[in-house]
Amino acid sequence: MSENLHCWAHNPKQNNAIILFVHGGPGSHSHYFKEWLQRYPIYSEHFGWISYDQRGCGLSAQTPALSHQDNVDDLIAVIHRLSIRHPGFCAVVGHSYGARLLYDALKQDDAIETKAVFLGRSLRPDIPAKRNFLIDQILMKVFQRDDYATLMQEVEYDIQNPASLWSAKQAFRDKLKHEDLRTLFYWSNFQVMDEYAAIKAQTELQESDEVFKQITGSIHSQSGPDEVYDFASLKQDSLHIMGAGDFVMAGDTYTAPGDNAYTARIFSKSGHYPHLEEPEPFIATLERFLLHRRA
């Protein structure tokens, strides 16, 4: 991997099958998942895991300028490096923004042969921005009706253009008094939600708002509102897992396709983190997918 990217491996049973995990964000890091692996042996029963912190995140080197394309290029380089160094390297798992990174990397470089798993990723790139803005509006309507009415008069935005939501979202976020309740829109399993929150509270590494702004801004400048993720068009074998309770990614409206172009699953008792909220179904689904051979 690049010397500027911090990476780690977790493989206590020295398994031959190696999976690369690409964390979400932007601006987050991989160490929440590392802690989760150490707490729950089920994930490492048959797999070894490798992950890394994206540019400017976690323990990776800080850099003054960041873009989504930089992260795509990094992921492509990491995948090729692992393919050479680890004969058992068999899949890349991307969560949330990490799934977006993985999709764009596979579309850009069709020489990549490893299997791909997408977790918590809507079928349209514009959905997360719209849904996150809607969460803030909902909380305002419930708890701050006067502030909501004032802001709706003051802010200008075009809901069909996610890039235009940035200033409006900031205006709402600056006034929001119950931001902690946003978490409820991400989870279905409250026990897992609380444990994950405890891990985040105990982790010394911070998430970066500046990285989030730079990466999100670069995505909006590159993406139009009508784009969709065409998972079926990927050359690589692909598995797409959504949580039905994932409000941010529109899991409530997600319907797995009826054809066999790619594998898609909906987890009924998960939100944005199906790999954490339903570990047994996740691992079982992952094992079946990795054993599958495309006809």
C-alpha atoms as a PDB file:
ATOM      1  CA  MET A   1       0.000   0.000   0.000  1.00  0.00           C
ATOM      2  CA  SER A   2       0.991   3.627  -0.307  1.00  0.00           C
ATOM      3  CA  GLU A   3       3.379   4.749   2.407  1.00  0.00           C
ATOM      4  CA  ASN A   4       0.991   7.662   3.046  1.00  0.00           C
ATOM      5  CA  LEU A   5      -1.912   5.361   3.953  1.00  0.00           C
ATOM      6  CA  HIS A   6      -2.102   3.687   7.347  1.00  0.00           C
ATOM      7  CA  CYS A   7      -3.126   0.049   7.016  1.00  0.00           C
ATOM      8  CA  TRP A   8      -3.702  -2.842   9.404  1.00  0.00           C
ATOM      9  CA  ALA A   9      -4.500  -6.559   9.286  1.00  0.00           C
ATOM     10  CA  HIS A  10      -6.587  -8.764  11.569  1.00  0.00           C
ATOM     11  CA  ASN A  11      -6.213 -12.481  10.968  1.00  0.00           C
ATOM     12  CA  PRO A  12      -5.904 -14.327  14.298  1.00  0.00           C
ATOM     13  CA  LYS A  13      -6.515 -17.765  12.710  1.00  0.00           C
ATOM     14  CA  GLN A  14      -4.127 -17.168   9.808  1.00  0.00           C
ATOM     15  CA  ASN A  15      -6.891 -17.817   7.289  1.00  0.00           C
ATOM     16  CA  ASN A  16      -5.928 -17.933   3.630  1.00  0.00           C
ATOM     17  CA  ALA A  17      -9.018 -16.018   2.466  1.00  0.00           C
ATOM     18  CA  ILE A  18      -8.325 -12.275   2.789  1.00  0.00           C
ATOM     19  CA  ILE A  19     -10.924  -9.496   2.552  1.00  0.00           C
ATOM     20  CA  LEU A  20     -10.219  -5.779   2.165  1.00  0.00           C
ATOM     21  CA  PHE A  21     -12.637  -3.526   4.085  1.00  0.00           C
ATOM     22  CA  VAL A  22     -13.109   0.046   2.805  1.00  0.00           C
ATOM     23  CA  HIS A  23     -14.523   2.341   5.481  1.00  0.00           C
ATOM     24  CA  GLY A  24     -17.255   4.916   5.013  1.00  0.00           C
ATOM     25  CA  GLY A  25     -17.276   8.621   5.698  1.00  0.00           C
ATOM     26  CA  PRO A  26     -15.930  10.657   4.091  1.00  0.00           C
ATOM     27  CA  GLY A  27     -13.711  11.831   6.918  1.00  0.00           C
ATOM     28  CA  SER A  28     -14.105   8.764   9.119  1.00  0.00           C
ATOM     29  CA  HIS A  29     -11.555   5.960   9.550  1.00  0.00           C
ATOM     30  CA  SER A  30     -11.217   2.179   9.734  1.00  0.00           C
ATOM     31  CA  HIS A  31     -10.537   1.722  13.444  1.00  0.00           C
ATOM     32  CA  TYR A  32     -14.147   1.368  14.586  1.00  0.00           C
ATOM     33  CA  PHE A  33     -14.358  -1.744  12.436  1.00  0.00           C
ATOM     34  CA  LYS A  34     -10.994  -2.979  13.710  1.00  0.00           C
ATOM     35  CA  GLU A  35     -12.299  -2.811  17.273  1.00  0.00           C
ATOM     36  CA  TRP A  36     -15.469  -4.623  16.194  1.00  0.00           C
ATOM     37  CA  LEU A  37     -13.446  -7.483  14.688  1.00  0.00           C
ATOM     38  CA  GLN A  38     -11.498  -7.857  17.906  1.00  0.00           C
ATOM     39  CA  ARG A  39     -14.708  -8.080  19.936  1.00  0.00           C
ATOM     40  CA  TYR A  40     -16.531 -10.578  17.717  1.00  0.00           C
ATOM     41  CA  PRO A  41     -14.585 -13.669  16.521  1.00  0.00           C
ATOM     42  CA  ILE A  42     -17.359 -14.689  14.091  1.00  0.00           C
ATOM     43  CA  TYR A  43     -15.969 -12.289  11.492  1.00  0.00           C
ATOM     44  CA  SER A  44     -12.535 -13.925  11.535  1.00  0.00           C
ATOM     45  CA  GLU A  45     -13.594 -17.557  11.768  1.00  0.00           C
ATOM     46  CA  HIS A  46     -12.901 -18.117   8.071  1.00  0.00           C
ATOM     47  CA  PHE A  47     -11.519 -14.793   6.852  1.00  0.00           C
ATOM     48  CA  GLY A  48      -8.576 -12.510   7.450  1.00  0.00           C
ATOM     49  CA  TRP A  49      -9.275  -8.780   7.185  1.00  0.00           C
ATOM     50  CA  ILE A  50      -7.184  -5.881   5.924  1.00  0.00           C
ATOM     51  CA  SER A  51      -8.170  -2.237   5.996  1.00  0.00           C
ATOM     52  CA  TYR A  52      -6.695   1.250   5.685  1.00  0.00           C
ATOM     53  CA  ASP A  53      -7.480   4.870   6.510  1.00  0.00           C
ATOM     54  CA  GLN A  54      -8.298   7.005   3.480  1.00  0.00           C
ATOM     55  CA  ARG A  55      -6.288  10.158   2.738  1.00  0.00           C
ATOM     56  CA  GLY A  56      -6.405  12.677   5.554  1.00  0.00           C
ATOM     57  CA  CYS A  57      -8.284  10.216   7.781  1.00  0.00           C
ATOM     58  CA  GLY A  58      -7.363   8.362  10.962  1.00  0.00           C
ATOM     59  CA  LEU A  59      -3.663   7.576  11.074  1.00  0.00           C
ATOM     60  CA  SER A  60      -2.989   8.234   7.396  1.00  0.00           C
ATOM     61  CA  ALA A  61      -0.913  11.238   6.398  1.00  0.00           C
ATOM     62  CA  GLN A  62      -2.625  14.617   6.360  1.00  0.00           C
ATOM     63  CA  THR A  63      -2.758  16.383   3.020  1.00  0.00           C
ATOM     64  CA  PRO A  64      -3.916  19.926   2.177  1.00  0.00           C
ATOM     65  CA  ALA A  65      -6.050  19.033  -0.849  1.00  0.00           C
ATOM     66  CA  LEU A  66      -8.351  16.027  -1.182  1.00  0.00           C
ATOM     67  CA  SER A  67     -10.727  14.700  -3.802  1.00  0.00           C
ATOM     68  CA  HIS A  68     -12.917  11.695  -4.398  1.00  0.00           C
ATOM     69  CA  GLN A  69     -10.822  10.782  -7.438  1.00  0.00           C
ATOM     70  CA  ASP A  70      -7.686  10.648  -5.261  1.00  0.00           C
ATOM     71  CA  ASN A  71      -9.451   8.109  -3.039  1.00  0.00           C
ATOM     72  CA  VAL A  72     -10.528   6.073  -6.077  1.00  0.00           C
ATOM     73  CA  ASP A  73      -6.942   6.006  -7.358  1.00  0.00           C
ATOM     74  CA  ASP A  74      -5.691   4.944  -3.928  1.00  0.00           C
ATOM     75  CA  LEU A  75      -8.191   2.085  -3.734  1.00  0.00           C
ATOM     76  CA  ILE A  76      -7.251   0.806  -7.186  1.00  0.00           C
ATOM     77  CA  ALA A  77      -3.586   0.832  -6.190  1.00  0.00           C
ATOM     78  CA  VAL A  78      -4.337  -0.955  -2.907  1.00  0.00           C
ATOM     79  CA  ILE A  79      -6.357  -3.668  -4.660  1.00  0.00           C
ATOM     80  CA  HIS A  80      -3.620  -4.350  -7.200  1.00  0.00           C
ATOM     81  CA  ARG A  81      -0.970  -4.427  -4.482  1.00  0.00           C
ATOM     82  CA  LEU A  82      -2.971  -6.929  -2.418  1.00  0.00           C
ATOM     83  CA  SER A  83      -3.619  -9.084  -5.477  1.00  0.00           C
ATOM     84  CA  ILE A  84       0.131  -9.465  -5.906  1.00  0.00           C
ATOM     85  CA  ARG A  85       1.083  -9.917  -2.259  1.00  0.00           C
ATOM     86  CA  HIS A  86      -1.775 -12.114  -1.007  1.00  0.00           C
ATOM     87  CA  PRO A  87      -2.750 -15.118  -3.163  1.00  0.00           C
ATOM     88  CA  GLY A  88      -5.821 -15.630  -0.974  1.00  0.00           C
ATOM     89  CA  PHE A  89      -7.130 -12.091  -1.484  1.00  0.00           C
ATOM     90  CA  CYS A  90     -10.716 -12.761  -2.578  1.00  0.00           C
ATOM     91  CA  ALA A  91     -13.011  -9.761  -1.999  1.00  0.00           C
ATOM     92  CA  VAL A  92     -13.356  -6.064  -1.291  1.00  0.00           C
ATOM     93  CA  VAL A  93     -16.112  -4.954   1.093  1.00  0.00           C
ATOM     94  CA  GLY A  94     -17.076  -1.275   0.933  1.00  0.00           C
ATOM     95  CA  HIS A  95     -19.443   0.345   3.421  1.00  0.00           C
ATOM     96  CA  SER A  96     -21.427   3.531   2.703  1.00  0.00           C
ATOM     97  CA  TYR A  97     -19.000   6.012   1.109  1.00  0.00           C
ATOM     98  CA  GLY A  98     -16.544   3.107   0.897  1.00  0.00           C
ATOM     99  CA  ALA A  99     -19.071   1.326  -1.341  1.00  0.00           C
ATOM    100  CA  ARG A 100     -19.185   4.385  -3.593  1.00  0.00           C
ATOM    101  CA  LEU A 101     -15.388   4.304  -3.751  1.00  0.00           C
ATOM    102  CA  LEU A 102     -15.424   0.614  -4.620  1.00  0.00           C
ATOM    103  CA  TYR A 103     -18.029   1.036  -7.355  1.00  0.00           C
ATOM    104  CA  ASP A 104     -16.130   3.878  -9.009  1.00  0.00           C
ATOM    105  CA  ALA A 105     -12.851   1.954  -8.776  1.00  0.00           C
ATOM    106  CA  LEU A 106     -14.366  -1.079 -10.506  1.00  0.00           C
ATOM    107  CA  LYS A 107     -15.918   1.064 -13.248  1.00  0.00           C
ATOM    108  CA  GLN A 108     -12.597   2.816 -13.811  1.00  0.00           C
ATOM    109  CA  ASP A 109     -10.380  -0.297 -13.849  1.00  0.00           C
ATOM    110  CA  ASP A 110     -11.986  -3.406 -15.318  1.00  0.00           C
ATOM    111  CA  ALA A 111      -8.720  -5.310 -14.855  1.00  0.00           C
ATOM    112  CA  ILE A 112      -9.696  -5.784 -11.207  1.00  0.00           C
ATOM    113  CA  GLU A 113     -10.875  -9.364 -10.780  1.00  0.00           C
ATOM    114  CA  THR A 114     -11.677  -9.648  -7.080  1.00  0.00           C
ATOM    115  CA  LYS A 115     -15.284  -9.960  -5.932  1.00  0.00           C
ATOM    116  CA  ALA A 116     -17.064  -6.885  -4.604  1.00  0.00           C
ATOM    117  CA  VAL A 117     -19.455  -6.430  -1.674  1.00  0.00           C
ATOM    118  CA  PHE A 118     -21.426  -3.196  -1.300  1.00  0.00           C
ATOM    119  CA  LEU A 119     -22.906  -2.417   2.133  1.00  0.00           C
ATOM    120  CA  GLY A 120     -25.359   0.385   2.888  1.00  0.00           C
ATOM    121  CA  ARG A 121     -25.298   1.995  -0.562  1.00  0.00           C
ATOM    122  CA  SER A 122     -28.372   3.498  -2.203  1.00  0.00           C
ATOM    123  CA  LEU A 123     -29.081   2.863  -5.861  1.00  0.00           C
ATOM    124  CA  ARG A 124     -28.785   6.609  -6.609  1.00  0.00           C
ATOM    125  CA  PRO A 125     -25.842   8.839  -5.635  1.00  0.00           C
ATOM    126  CA  ASP A 126     -28.102  11.780  -4.770  1.00  0.00           C
ATOM    127  CA  ILE A 127     -30.200   9.952  -2.173  1.00  0.00           C
ATOM    128  CA  PRO A 128     -27.853  10.312   0.873  1.00  0.00           C
ATOM    129  CA  ALA A 129     -27.626  14.108   0.542  1.00  0.00           C
ATOM    130  CA  LYS A 130     -31.390  14.433   0.193  1.00  0.00           C
ATOM    131  CA  ARG A 131     -32.195  12.033   3.023  1.00  0.00           C
ATOM    132  CA  ASN A 132     -29.699  13.639   5.408  1.00  0.00           C
ATOM    133  CA  PHE A 133     -31.244  17.030   4.717  1.00  0.00           C
ATOM    134  CA  LEU A 134     -34.693  15.529   5.302  1.00  0.00           C
ATOM    135  CA  ILE A 135     -33.580  14.188   8.694  1.00  0.00           C
ATOM    136  CA  ASP A 136     -32.624  17.693   9.817  1.00  0.00           C
ATOM    137  CA  GLN A 137     -35.937  19.024   8.547  1.00  0.00           C
ATOM    138  CA  ILE A 138     -37.872  16.340  10.413  1.00  0.00           C
ATOM    139  CA  LEU A 139     -36.084  17.061  13.687  1.00  0.00           C
ATOM    140  CA  MET A 140     -36.696  20.785  13.217  1.00  0.00           C
ATOM    141  CA  LYS A 141     -40.394  20.212  12.535  1.00  0.00           C
ATOM    142  CA  VAL A 142     -40.793  18.128  15.698  1.00  0.00           C
ATOM    143  CA  PHE A 143     -38.697  20.139  18.157  1.00  0.00           C
ATOM    144  CA  GLN A 144     -38.129  23.614  16.651  1.00  0.00           C
ATOM    145  CA  ARG A 145     -41.146  24.611  14.606  1.00  0.00           C
ATOM    146  CA  ASP A 146     -40.402  28.326  14.651  1.00  0.00           C
ATOM    147  CA  ASP A 147     -36.783  27.821  13.601  1.00  0.00           C
ATOM    148  CA  TYR A 148     -37.946  25.493  10.842  1.00  0.00           C
ATOM    149  CA  ALA A 149     -40.413  28.047   9.486  1.00  0.00           C
ATOM    150  CA  THR A 150     -37.788  30.803   9.556  1.00  0.00           C
ATOM    151  CA  LEU A 151     -35.134  28.735   7.816  1.00  0.00           C
ATOM    152  CA  MET A 152     -37.500  27.595   5.103  1.00  0.00           C
ATOM    153  CA  GLN A 153     -38.100  31.249   4.304  1.00  0.00           C
ATOM    154  CA  GLU A 154     -34.397  32.152   4.337  1.00  0.00           C
ATOM    155  CA  VAL A 155     -32.605  29.274   2.571  1.00  0.00           C
ATOM    156  CA  GLU A 156     -32.607  28.647  -1.166  1.00  0.00           C
ATOM    157  CA  TYR A 157     -31.937  25.262  -2.714  1.00  0.00           C
ATOM    158  CA  ASP A 158     -32.957  22.929  -5.528  1.00  0.00           C
ATOM    159  CA  ILE A 159     -33.777  19.461  -4.224  1.00  0.00           C
ATOM    160  CA  GLN A 160     -32.889  17.975  -7.639  1.00  0.00           C
ATOM    161  CA  ASN A 161     -29.365  19.363  -7.339  1.00  0.00           C
ATOM    162  CA  PRO A 162     -27.561  17.832  -4.318  1.00  0.00           C
ATOM    163  CA  ALA A 163     -24.712  20.335  -4.627  1.00  0.00           C
ATOM    164  CA  SER A 164     -27.152  23.167  -3.900  1.00  0.00           C
ATOM    165  CA  LEU A 165     -28.134  21.542  -0.604  1.00  0.00           C
ATOM    166  CA  TRP A 166     -24.764  22.215   1.021  1.00  0.00           C
ATOM    167  CA  SER A 167     -25.412  25.756   2.283  1.00  0.00           C
ATOM    168  CA  ALA A 168     -29.004  24.911   3.218  1.00  0.00           C
ATOM    169  CA  LYS A 169     -27.876  21.864   5.188  1.00  0.00           C
ATOM    170  CA  GLN A 170     -25.293  23.963   7.014  1.00  0.00           C
ATOM    171  CA  ALA A 171     -27.934  26.551   7.935  1.00  0.00           C
ATOM    172  CA  PHE A 172     -30.177  23.851   9.395  1.00  0.00           C
ATOM    173  CA  ARG A 173     -27.294  22.093  11.173  1.00  0.00           C
ATOM    174  CA  ASP A 174     -26.203  25.353  12.819  1.00  0.00           C
ATOM    175  CA  LYS A 175     -29.653  25.736  14.403  1.00  0.00           C
ATOM    176  CA  LEU A 176     -30.366  22.092  15.176  1.00  0.00           C
ATOM    177  CA  LYS A 177     -30.625  21.380  18.913  1.00  0.00           C
ATOM    178  CA  HIS A 178     -31.213  17.620  18.750  1.00  0.00           C
ATOM    179  CA  GLU A 179     -28.500  16.488  16.386  1.00  0.00           C
ATOM    180  CA  ASP A 180     -27.807  13.469  18.605  1.00  0.00           C
ATOM    181  CA  LEU A 181     -31.185  12.041  17.537  1.00  0.00           C
ATOM    182  CA  ARG A 182     -30.000  11.775  13.937  1.00  0.00           C
ATOM    183  CA  THR A 183     -28.382   8.476  14.913  1.00  0.00           C
ATOM    184  CA  LEU A 184     -31.803   6.857  15.266  1.00  0.00           C
ATOM    185  CA  PHE A 185     -32.309   7.160  11.504  1.00  0.00           C
ATOM    186  CA  TYR A 186     -29.207   5.036  10.870  1.00  0.00           C
ATOM    187  CA  TRP A 187     -29.929   1.998  13.028  1.00  0.00           C
ATOM    188  CA  SER A 188     -32.525  -0.723  13.608  1.00  0.00           C
ATOM    189  CA  ASN A 189     -30.671  -2.672  16.313  1.00  0.00           C
ATOM    190  CA  PHE A 190     -30.369  -0.360  19.335  1.00  0.00           C
ATOM    191  CA  GLN A 191     -28.081  -2.721  21.259  1.00  0.00           C
ATOM    192  CA  VAL A 192     -25.559  -2.649  18.419  1.00  0.00           C
ATOM    193  CA  MET A 193     -26.069   1.099  18.028  1.00  0.00           C
ATOM    194  CA  ASP A 194     -25.153   1.690  21.668  1.00  0.00           C
ATOM    195  CA  GLU A 195     -22.093  -0.541  21.515  1.00  0.00           C
ATOM    196  CA  TYR A 196     -20.885   1.162  18.347  1.00  0.00           C
ATOM    197  CA  ALA A 197     -21.405   4.560  19.976  1.00  0.00           C
ATOM    198  CA  ALA A 198     -19.340   3.404  22.957  1.00  0.00           C
ATOM    199  CA  ILE A 199     -16.519   2.345  20.625  1.00  0.00           C
ATOM    200  CA  LYS A 200     -16.601   5.736  18.929  1.00  0.00           C
ATOM    201  CA  ALA A 201     -16.528   7.509  22.293  1.00  0.00           C
ATOM    202  CA  GLN A 202     -13.499   5.490  23.421  1.00  0.00           C
ATOM    203  CA  THR A 203     -11.552   5.927  20.185  1.00  0.00           C
ATOM    204  CA  GLU A 204      -8.990   8.704  20.382  1.00  0.00           C
ATOM    205  CA  LEU A 205      -9.006   9.265  16.618  1.00  0.00           C
ATOM    206  CA  GLN A 206     -11.418  11.948  15.471  1.00  0.00           C
ATOM    207  CA  GLU A 207     -13.548  12.177  12.368  1.00  0.00           C
ATOM    208  CA  SER A 208     -12.667  15.103  10.115  1.00  0.00           C
ATOM    209  CA  ASP A 209     -15.311  17.601   9.020  1.00  0.00           C
ATOM    210  CA  GLU A 210     -12.780  19.221   6.687  1.00  0.00           C
ATOM    211  CA  VAL A 211     -12.138  15.950   4.859  1.00  0.00           C
ATOM    212  CA  PHE A 212     -15.898  15.434   4.611  1.00  0.00           C
ATOM    213  CA  LYS A 213     -16.380  18.876   3.058  1.00  0.00           C
ATOM    214  CA  GLN A 214     -13.572  18.479   0.529  1.00  0.00           C
ATOM    215  CA  ILE A 215     -14.562  14.996  -0.605  1.00  0.00           C
ATOM    216  CA  THR A 216     -18.287  15.725  -0.703  1.00  0.00           C
ATOM    217  CA  GLY A 217     -17.669  18.909  -2.638  1.00  0.00           C
ATOM    218  CA  SER A 218     -15.565  17.091  -5.207  1.00  0.00           C
ATOM    219  CA  ILE A 219     -18.256  14.412  -5.630  1.00  0.00           C
ATOM    220  CA  HIS A 220     -20.982  16.989  -6.188  1.00  0.00           C
ATOM    221  CA  SER A 221     -18.858  18.748  -8.791  1.00  0.00           C
ATOM    222  CA  GLN A 222     -18.465  15.484 -10.701  1.00  0.00           C
ATOM    223  CA  SER A 223     -21.924  13.927 -10.330  1.00  0.00           C
ATOM    224  CA  GLY A 224     -25.257  14.775 -11.864  1.00  0.00           C
ATOM    225  CA  PRO A 225     -28.604  14.186 -10.148  1.00  0.00           C
ATOM    226  CA  ASP A 226     -29.757  11.572 -12.649  1.00  0.00           C
ATOM    227  CA  GLU A 227     -26.904   9.099 -12.216  1.00  0.00           C
ATOM    228  CA  VAL A 228     -27.590   5.619 -10.876  1.00  0.00           C
ATOM    229  CA  TYR A 229     -25.400   2.794  -9.645  1.00  0.00           C
ATOM    230  CA  ASP A 230     -25.662   0.042 -12.242  1.00  0.00           C
ATOM    231  CA  PHE A 231     -24.291  -2.870 -10.209  1.00  0.00           C
ATOM    232  CA  ALA A 232     -25.422  -5.366 -12.839  1.00  0.00           C
ATOM    233  CA  SER A 233     -23.081  -3.784 -15.386  1.00  0.00           C
ATOM    234  CA  LEU A 234     -19.948  -4.539 -13.373  1.00  0.00           C
ATOM    235  CA  LYS A 235     -17.575  -7.122 -14.779  1.00  0.00           C
ATOM    236  CA  GLN A 236     -16.758  -8.358 -11.292  1.00  0.00           C
ATOM    237  CA  ASP A 237     -19.059 -10.633  -9.268  1.00  0.00           C
ATOM    238  CA  SER A 238     -20.960  -8.303  -6.957  1.00  0.00           C
ATOM    239  CA  LEU A 239     -22.997  -8.654  -3.774  1.00  0.00           C
ATOM    240  CA  HIS A 240     -25.186  -5.756  -2.644  1.00  0.00           C
ATOM    241  CA  ILE A 241     -26.550  -5.792   0.945  1.00  0.00           C
ATOM    242  CA  MET A 242     -29.001  -3.179   2.197  1.00  0.00           C
ATOM    243  CA  GLY A 243     -30.695  -2.775   5.565  1.00  0.00           C
ATOM    244  CA  ALA A 244     -34.450  -2.254   5.304  1.00  0.00           C
ATOM    245  CA  GLY A 245     -34.235   0.289   8.132  1.00  0.00           C
ATOM    246  CA  ASP A 246     -31.499   2.356   6.466  1.00  0.00           C
ATOM    247  CA  PHE A 247     -33.371   5.649   6.087  1.00  0.00           C
ATOM    248  CA  VAL A 248     -30.313   7.536   4.834  1.00  0.00           C
ATOM    249  CA  MET A 249     -29.792   5.167   1.898  1.00  0.00           C
ATOM    250  CA  ALA A 250     -33.494   4.562   1.220  1.00  0.00           C
ATOM    251  CA  GLY A 251     -33.423   0.979   2.424  1.00  0.00           C
ATOM    252  CA  ASP A 252     -37.148   1.335   3.040  1.00  0.00           C
ATOM    253  CA  THR A 253     -37.744   1.615  -0.720  1.00  0.00           C
ATOM    254  CA  TYR A 254     -35.051  -0.795  -1.893  1.00  0.00           C
ATOM    255  CA  THR A 255     -36.156  -3.760  -3.994  1.00  0.00           C
ATOM    256  CA  ALA A 256     -33.649  -6.415  -4.988  1.00  0.00           C
ATOM    257  CA  PRO A 257     -33.692  -7.010  -8.754  1.00  0.00           C
ATOM    258  CA  GLY A 258     -35.420 -10.086 -10.057  1.00  0.00           C
ATOM    259  CA  ASP A 259     -32.700 -11.129 -12.485  1.00  0.00           C
ATOM    260  CA  ASN A 260     -29.437 -12.899 -11.748  1.00  0.00           C
ATOM    261  CA  ALA A 261     -27.121 -10.204 -13.087  1.00  0.00           C
ATOM    262  CA  TYR A 262     -25.726  -9.708  -9.623  1.00  0.00           C
ATOM    263  CA  THR A 263     -26.489 -10.832  -6.086  1.00  0.00           C
ATOM    264  CA  ALA A 264     -28.600  -8.541  -3.916  1.00  0.00           C
ATOM    265  CA  ARG A 265     -29.919  -9.045  -0.407  1.00  0.00           C
ATOM    266  CA  ILE A 266     -32.112  -6.982   1.921  1.00  0.00           C
ATOM    267  CA  PHE A 267     -31.654  -7.479   5.682  1.00  0.00           C
ATOM    268  CA  SER A 268     -34.993  -6.848   7.370  1.00  0.00           C
ATOM    269  CA  LYS A 269     -33.649  -6.036  10.848  1.00  0.00           C
ATOM    270  CA  SER A 270     -30.755  -3.775   9.890  1.00  0.00           C
ATOM    271  CA  GLY A 271     -30.256  -0.100   9.222  1.00  0.00           C
ATOM    272  CA  HIS A 272     -27.154   1.488   7.718  1.00  0.00           C
ATOM    273  CA  TYR A 273     -24.804  -1.126   9.231  1.00  0.00           C
ATOM    274  CA  PRO A 274     -26.104  -4.566   8.126  1.00  0.00           C
ATOM    275  CA  HIS A 275     -22.651  -6.115   8.617  1.00  0.00           C
ATOM    276  CA  LEU A 276     -22.770  -5.161  12.315  1.00  0.00           C
ATOM    277  CA  GLU A 277     -26.482  -5.336  13.113  1.00  0.00           C
ATOM    278  CA  GLU A 278     -27.003  -8.868  11.762  1.00  0.00           C
ATOM    279  CA  PRO A 279     -23.574 -10.543  11.907  1.00  0.00           C
ATOM    280  CA  GLU A 280     -24.724 -14.151  11.458  1.00  0.00           C
ATOM    281  CA  PRO A 281     -26.740 -13.500   8.261  1.00  0.00           C
ATOM    282  CA  PHE A 282     -23.967 -11.233   7.010  1.00  0.00           C
ATOM    283  CA  ILE A 283     -21.218 -13.822   7.421  1.00  0.00           C
ATOM    284  CA  ALA A 284     -23.410 -16.616   6.019  1.00  0.00           C
ATOM    285  CA  THR A 285     -24.319 -14.485   2.994  1.00  0.00           C
ATOM    286  CA  LEU A 286     -20.696 -13.501   2.490  1.00  0.00           C
ATOM    287  CA  GLU A 287     -19.520 -17.127   2.641  1.00  0.00           C
ATOM    288  CA  ARG A 288     -22.119 -18.263   0.083  1.00  0.00           C
ATOM    289  CA  PHE A 289     -21.186 -15.411  -2.225  1.00  0.00           C
ATOM    290  CA  LEU A 290     -17.451 -16.111  -2.075  1.00  0.00           C
ATOM    291  CA  LEU A 291     -18.012 -19.806  -2.767  1.00  0.00           C
ATOM    292  CA  HIS A 292     -20.211 -19.015  -5.765  1.00  0.00           C
ATOM    293  CA  ARG A 293     -18.690 -19.337  -9.214  1.00  0.00           C
ATOM    294  CA  ARG A 294     -20.169 -17.295 -12.054  1.00  0.00           C
ATOM    295  CA  ALA A 295     -21.474 -19.577 -14.801  1.00  0.00           C
END
